[in-house]
Amino acid sequence: MSTLTGLRSALDTVLTGRGLRTADHLPERVVPPLAIIGAGSPYVESGERFGTFAVRFTVFLVAAKAANQTATAELDDLVTRAVAAVMDAPGWGVERVDQPSMLDTGGAQYLSTTLDLITTSPLEPEEV
């Protein structure tokens, strides 16, 4: 397993540990509430120490379709649980949470936001 795949898997475990339903890639069909783990921007860049790299992930937090007040409360809960999970995980940091907006997927619109995360790691290719 490559370092990036391992980090994505570790992040998935961190988020599911707080009761979030996750997808470690963009699924063909989004079924909220859901936390979708994607590559951040920049995805990988040089780290502060020689041989390490800063790796970023963007987590799309998507609330279920509901009345505005209900969807907003659910999204706030998703944000709170995701941030708490990451802050409790050694080596991970929260860079920011974006303003909520509507995610249009599969012909439906869902209240959502993005959570930008960072960790530092050496990079190792997958063994062949």
C-alpha atoms as a PDB file:
ATOM      1  CA  MET A   1       0.000   0.000   0.000  1.00  0.00           C
ATOM      2  CA  SER A   2       1.365   3.429  -0.886  1.00  0.00           C
ATOM      3  CA  THR A   3       1.780   6.110   1.757  1.00  0.00           C
ATOM      4  CA  LEU A   4      -1.101   8.152   0.332  1.00  0.00           C
ATOM      5  CA  THR A   5      -3.454   5.157   0.359  1.00  0.00           C
ATOM      6  CA  GLY A   6      -2.399   4.401   3.924  1.00  0.00           C
ATOM      7  CA  LEU A   7      -3.010   7.989   5.045  1.00  0.00           C
ATOM      8  CA  ARG A   8      -6.435   8.007   3.370  1.00  0.00           C
ATOM      9  CA  SER A   9      -7.284   4.743   5.138  1.00  0.00           C
ATOM     10  CA  ALA A  10      -6.052   6.106   8.493  1.00  0.00           C
ATOM     11  CA  LEU A  11      -8.194   9.228   8.052  1.00  0.00           C
ATOM     12  CA  ASP A  12     -11.189   7.043   7.212  1.00  0.00           C
ATOM     13  CA  THR A  13     -10.636   5.154  10.485  1.00  0.00           C
ATOM     14  CA  VAL A  14     -10.330   8.422  12.463  1.00  0.00           C
ATOM     15  CA  LEU A  15     -13.641   9.719  11.081  1.00  0.00           C
ATOM     16  CA  THR A  16     -15.584   6.472  11.448  1.00  0.00           C
ATOM     17  CA  GLY A  17     -14.352   6.320  15.048  1.00  0.00           C
ATOM     18  CA  ARG A  18     -16.560   9.360  15.744  1.00  0.00           C
ATOM     19  CA  GLY A  19     -19.596   7.771  14.154  1.00  0.00           C
ATOM     20  CA  LEU A  20     -19.304   9.383  10.723  1.00  0.00           C
ATOM     21  CA  ARG A  21     -20.270   7.325   7.688  1.00  0.00           C
ATOM     22  CA  THR A  22     -17.432   7.746   5.199  1.00  0.00           C
ATOM     23  CA  ALA A  23     -16.373   7.082   1.634  1.00  0.00           C
ATOM     24  CA  ASP A  24     -12.632   7.089   0.915  1.00  0.00           C
ATOM     25  CA  HIS A  25     -13.303   8.240  -2.658  1.00  0.00           C
ATOM     26  CA  LEU A  26     -16.090  10.011  -4.532  1.00  0.00           C
ATOM     27  CA  PRO A  27     -18.847   7.389  -4.773  1.00  0.00           C
ATOM     28  CA  GLU A  28     -20.947   6.935  -7.883  1.00  0.00           C
ATOM     29  CA  ARG A  29     -24.033   7.646  -5.748  1.00  0.00           C
ATOM     30  CA  VAL A  30     -23.943   9.979  -2.738  1.00  0.00           C
ATOM     31  CA  VAL A  31     -26.205   8.862   0.122  1.00  0.00           C
ATOM     32  CA  PRO A  32     -26.001  11.409   2.968  1.00  0.00           C
ATOM     33  CA  PRO A  33     -25.201  11.956   5.730  1.00  0.00           C
ATOM     34  CA  LEU A  34     -21.705  11.239   4.474  1.00  0.00           C
ATOM     35  CA  ALA A  35     -18.068  12.309   4.770  1.00  0.00           C
ATOM     36  CA  ILE A  36     -16.252  11.900   1.440  1.00  0.00           C
ATOM     37  CA  ILE A  37     -12.443  11.874   1.615  1.00  0.00           C
ATOM     38  CA  GLY A  38     -10.734  13.521  -1.364  1.00  0.00           C
ATOM     39  CA  ALA A  39      -7.322  14.893  -2.233  1.00  0.00           C
ATOM     40  CA  GLY A  40      -6.634  18.389  -0.908  1.00  0.00           C
ATOM     41  CA  SER A  41      -4.912  21.283  -2.625  1.00  0.00           C
ATOM     42  CA  PRO A  42      -2.045  21.155  -2.857  1.00  0.00           C
ATOM     43  CA  TYR A  43      -2.251  17.403  -2.345  1.00  0.00           C
ATOM     44  CA  VAL A  44       1.452  16.929  -1.569  1.00  0.00           C
ATOM     45  CA  GLU A  45       4.213  19.469  -1.025  1.00  0.00           C
ATOM     46  CA  SER A  46       7.605  19.589   0.624  1.00  0.00           C
ATOM     47  CA  GLY A  47       7.507  19.311   4.423  1.00  0.00           C
ATOM     48  CA  GLU A  48       9.393  21.307   7.029  1.00  0.00           C
ATOM     49  CA  ARG A  49      11.919  18.509   7.640  1.00  0.00           C
ATOM     50  CA  PHE A  50      14.095  16.892   4.984  1.00  0.00           C
ATOM     51  CA  GLY A  51      12.424  13.788   3.579  1.00  0.00           C
ATOM     52  CA  THR A  52       8.928  14.646   4.778  1.00  0.00           C
ATOM     53  CA  PHE A  53       5.952  15.948   2.877  1.00  0.00           C
ATOM     54  CA  ALA A  54       2.833  17.873   3.853  1.00  0.00           C
ATOM     55  CA  VAL A  55      -0.173  15.880   2.651  1.00  0.00           C
ATOM     56  CA  ARG A  56      -3.627  17.462   2.479  1.00  0.00           C
ATOM     57  CA  PHE A  57      -7.053  15.917   2.260  1.00  0.00           C
ATOM     58  CA  THR A  58     -10.395  17.628   1.724  1.00  0.00           C
ATOM     59  CA  VAL A  59     -13.354  15.984   3.415  1.00  0.00           C
ATOM     60  CA  PHE A  60     -16.744  16.817   1.912  1.00  0.00           C
ATOM     61  CA  LEU A  61     -19.354  16.723   4.675  1.00  0.00           C
ATOM     62  CA  VAL A  62     -22.831  16.209   3.222  1.00  0.00           C
ATOM     63  CA  ALA A  63     -26.088  16.477   5.204  1.00  0.00           C
ATOM     64  CA  ALA A  64     -29.187  14.504   4.310  1.00  0.00           C
ATOM     65  CA  LYS A  65     -31.968  16.192   2.361  1.00  0.00           C
ATOM     66  CA  ALA A  66     -34.270  17.832   4.918  1.00  0.00           C
ATOM     67  CA  ALA A  67     -35.839  21.130   5.909  1.00  0.00           C
ATOM     68  CA  ASN A  68     -33.207  23.893   6.089  1.00  0.00           C
ATOM     69  CA  GLN A  69     -33.148  24.017   9.893  1.00  0.00           C
ATOM     70  CA  THR A  70     -32.746  20.238  10.179  1.00  0.00           C
ATOM     71  CA  ALA A  71     -30.064  20.012   7.470  1.00  0.00           C
ATOM     72  CA  THR A  72     -28.148  22.909   9.060  1.00  0.00           C
ATOM     73  CA  ALA A  73     -28.203  21.228  12.474  1.00  0.00           C
ATOM     74  CA  GLU A  74     -27.057  17.936  10.933  1.00  0.00           C
ATOM     75  CA  LEU A  75     -24.227  19.636   9.036  1.00  0.00           C
ATOM     76  CA  ASP A  76     -23.114  21.437  12.216  1.00  0.00           C
ATOM     77  CA  ASP A  77     -23.017  18.051  13.968  1.00  0.00           C
ATOM     78  CA  LEU A  78     -20.986  16.508  11.125  1.00  0.00           C
ATOM     79  CA  VAL A  79     -18.486  19.394  11.282  1.00  0.00           C
ATOM     80  CA  THR A  80     -18.175  19.185  15.059  1.00  0.00           C
ATOM     81  CA  ARG A  81     -17.631  15.408  15.075  1.00  0.00           C
ATOM     82  CA  ALA A  82     -15.138  15.523  12.186  1.00  0.00           C
ATOM     83  CA  VAL A  83     -13.080  18.353  13.698  1.00  0.00           C
ATOM     84  CA  ALA A  84     -13.053  16.673  17.129  1.00  0.00           C
ATOM     85  CA  ALA A  85     -11.986  13.362  15.575  1.00  0.00           C
ATOM     86  CA  VAL A  86      -9.096  14.944  13.678  1.00  0.00           C
ATOM     87  CA  MET A  87      -7.930  17.030  16.640  1.00  0.00           C
ATOM     88  CA  ASP A  88      -7.790  13.852  18.772  1.00  0.00           C
ATOM     89  CA  ALA A  89      -5.750  11.989  16.124  1.00  0.00           C
ATOM     90  CA  PRO A  90      -1.969  12.344  16.542  1.00  0.00           C
ATOM     91  CA  GLY A  91      -0.243  13.898  13.535  1.00  0.00           C
ATOM     92  CA  TRP A  92      -3.362  15.397  11.941  1.00  0.00           C
ATOM     93  CA  GLY A  93      -4.415  19.043  11.839  1.00  0.00           C
ATOM     94  CA  VAL A  94      -7.405  21.058  10.703  1.00  0.00           C
ATOM     95  CA  GLU A  95      -6.574  23.898   8.309  1.00  0.00           C
ATOM     96  CA  ARG A  96     -10.106  25.209   7.764  1.00  0.00           C
ATOM     97  CA  VAL A  97     -13.804  24.529   7.363  1.00  0.00           C
ATOM     98  CA  ASP A  98     -15.481  26.304   4.463  1.00  0.00           C
ATOM     99  CA  GLN A  99     -18.803  28.116   4.473  1.00  0.00           C
ATOM    100  CA  PRO A 100     -21.691  25.708   3.795  1.00  0.00           C
ATOM    101  CA  SER A 101     -23.068  25.579   0.266  1.00  0.00           C
ATOM    102  CA  MET A 102     -25.290  23.357  -1.830  1.00  0.00           C
ATOM    103  CA  LEU A 103     -23.767  20.251  -3.417  1.00  0.00           C
ATOM    104  CA  ASP A 104     -25.532  19.222  -6.608  1.00  0.00           C
ATOM    105  CA  THR A 105     -25.112  15.515  -7.316  1.00  0.00           C
ATOM    106  CA  GLY A 106     -27.297  12.922  -8.969  1.00  0.00           C
ATOM    107  CA  GLY A 107     -29.990  15.499  -9.667  1.00  0.00           C
ATOM    108  CA  ALA A 108     -30.397  16.389  -5.982  1.00  0.00           C
ATOM    109  CA  GLN A 109     -29.018  19.229  -3.876  1.00  0.00           C
ATOM    110  CA  TYR A 110     -27.589  18.709  -0.391  1.00  0.00           C
ATOM    111  CA  LEU A 111     -26.272  21.143   2.192  1.00  0.00           C
ATOM    112  CA  SER A 112     -22.538  20.537   2.483  1.00  0.00           C
ATOM    113  CA  THR A 113     -19.179  21.981   3.419  1.00  0.00           C
ATOM    114  CA  THR A 114     -15.533  21.048   3.094  1.00  0.00           C
ATOM    115  CA  LEU A 115     -13.003  20.375   5.819  1.00  0.00           C
ATOM    116  CA  ASP A 116      -9.333  20.823   4.837  1.00  0.00           C
ATOM    117  CA  LEU A 117      -6.898  18.613   6.766  1.00  0.00           C
ATOM    118  CA  ILE A 118      -3.122  18.238   6.833  1.00  0.00           C
ATOM    119  CA  THR A 119      -0.588  15.695   8.029  1.00  0.00           C
ATOM    120  CA  THR A 120       3.140  15.258   7.522  1.00  0.00           C
ATOM    121  CA  SER A 121       4.699  12.025   6.323  1.00  0.00           C
ATOM    122  CA  PRO A 122       7.566  10.593   4.305  1.00  0.00           C
ATOM    123  CA  LEU A 123       6.307   9.158   1.018  1.00  0.00           C
ATOM    124  CA  GLU A 124       6.870   5.525   0.132  1.00  0.00           C
ATOM    125  CA  PRO A 125       5.686   3.912  -3.100  1.00  0.00           C
ATOM    126  CA  GLU A 126       3.591   0.781  -3.089  1.00  0.00           C
ATOM    127  CA  GLU A 127       5.768  -2.327  -3.057  1.00  0.00           C
ATOM    128  CA  VAL A 128       5.512  -4.342  -6.240  1.00  0.00           C
END
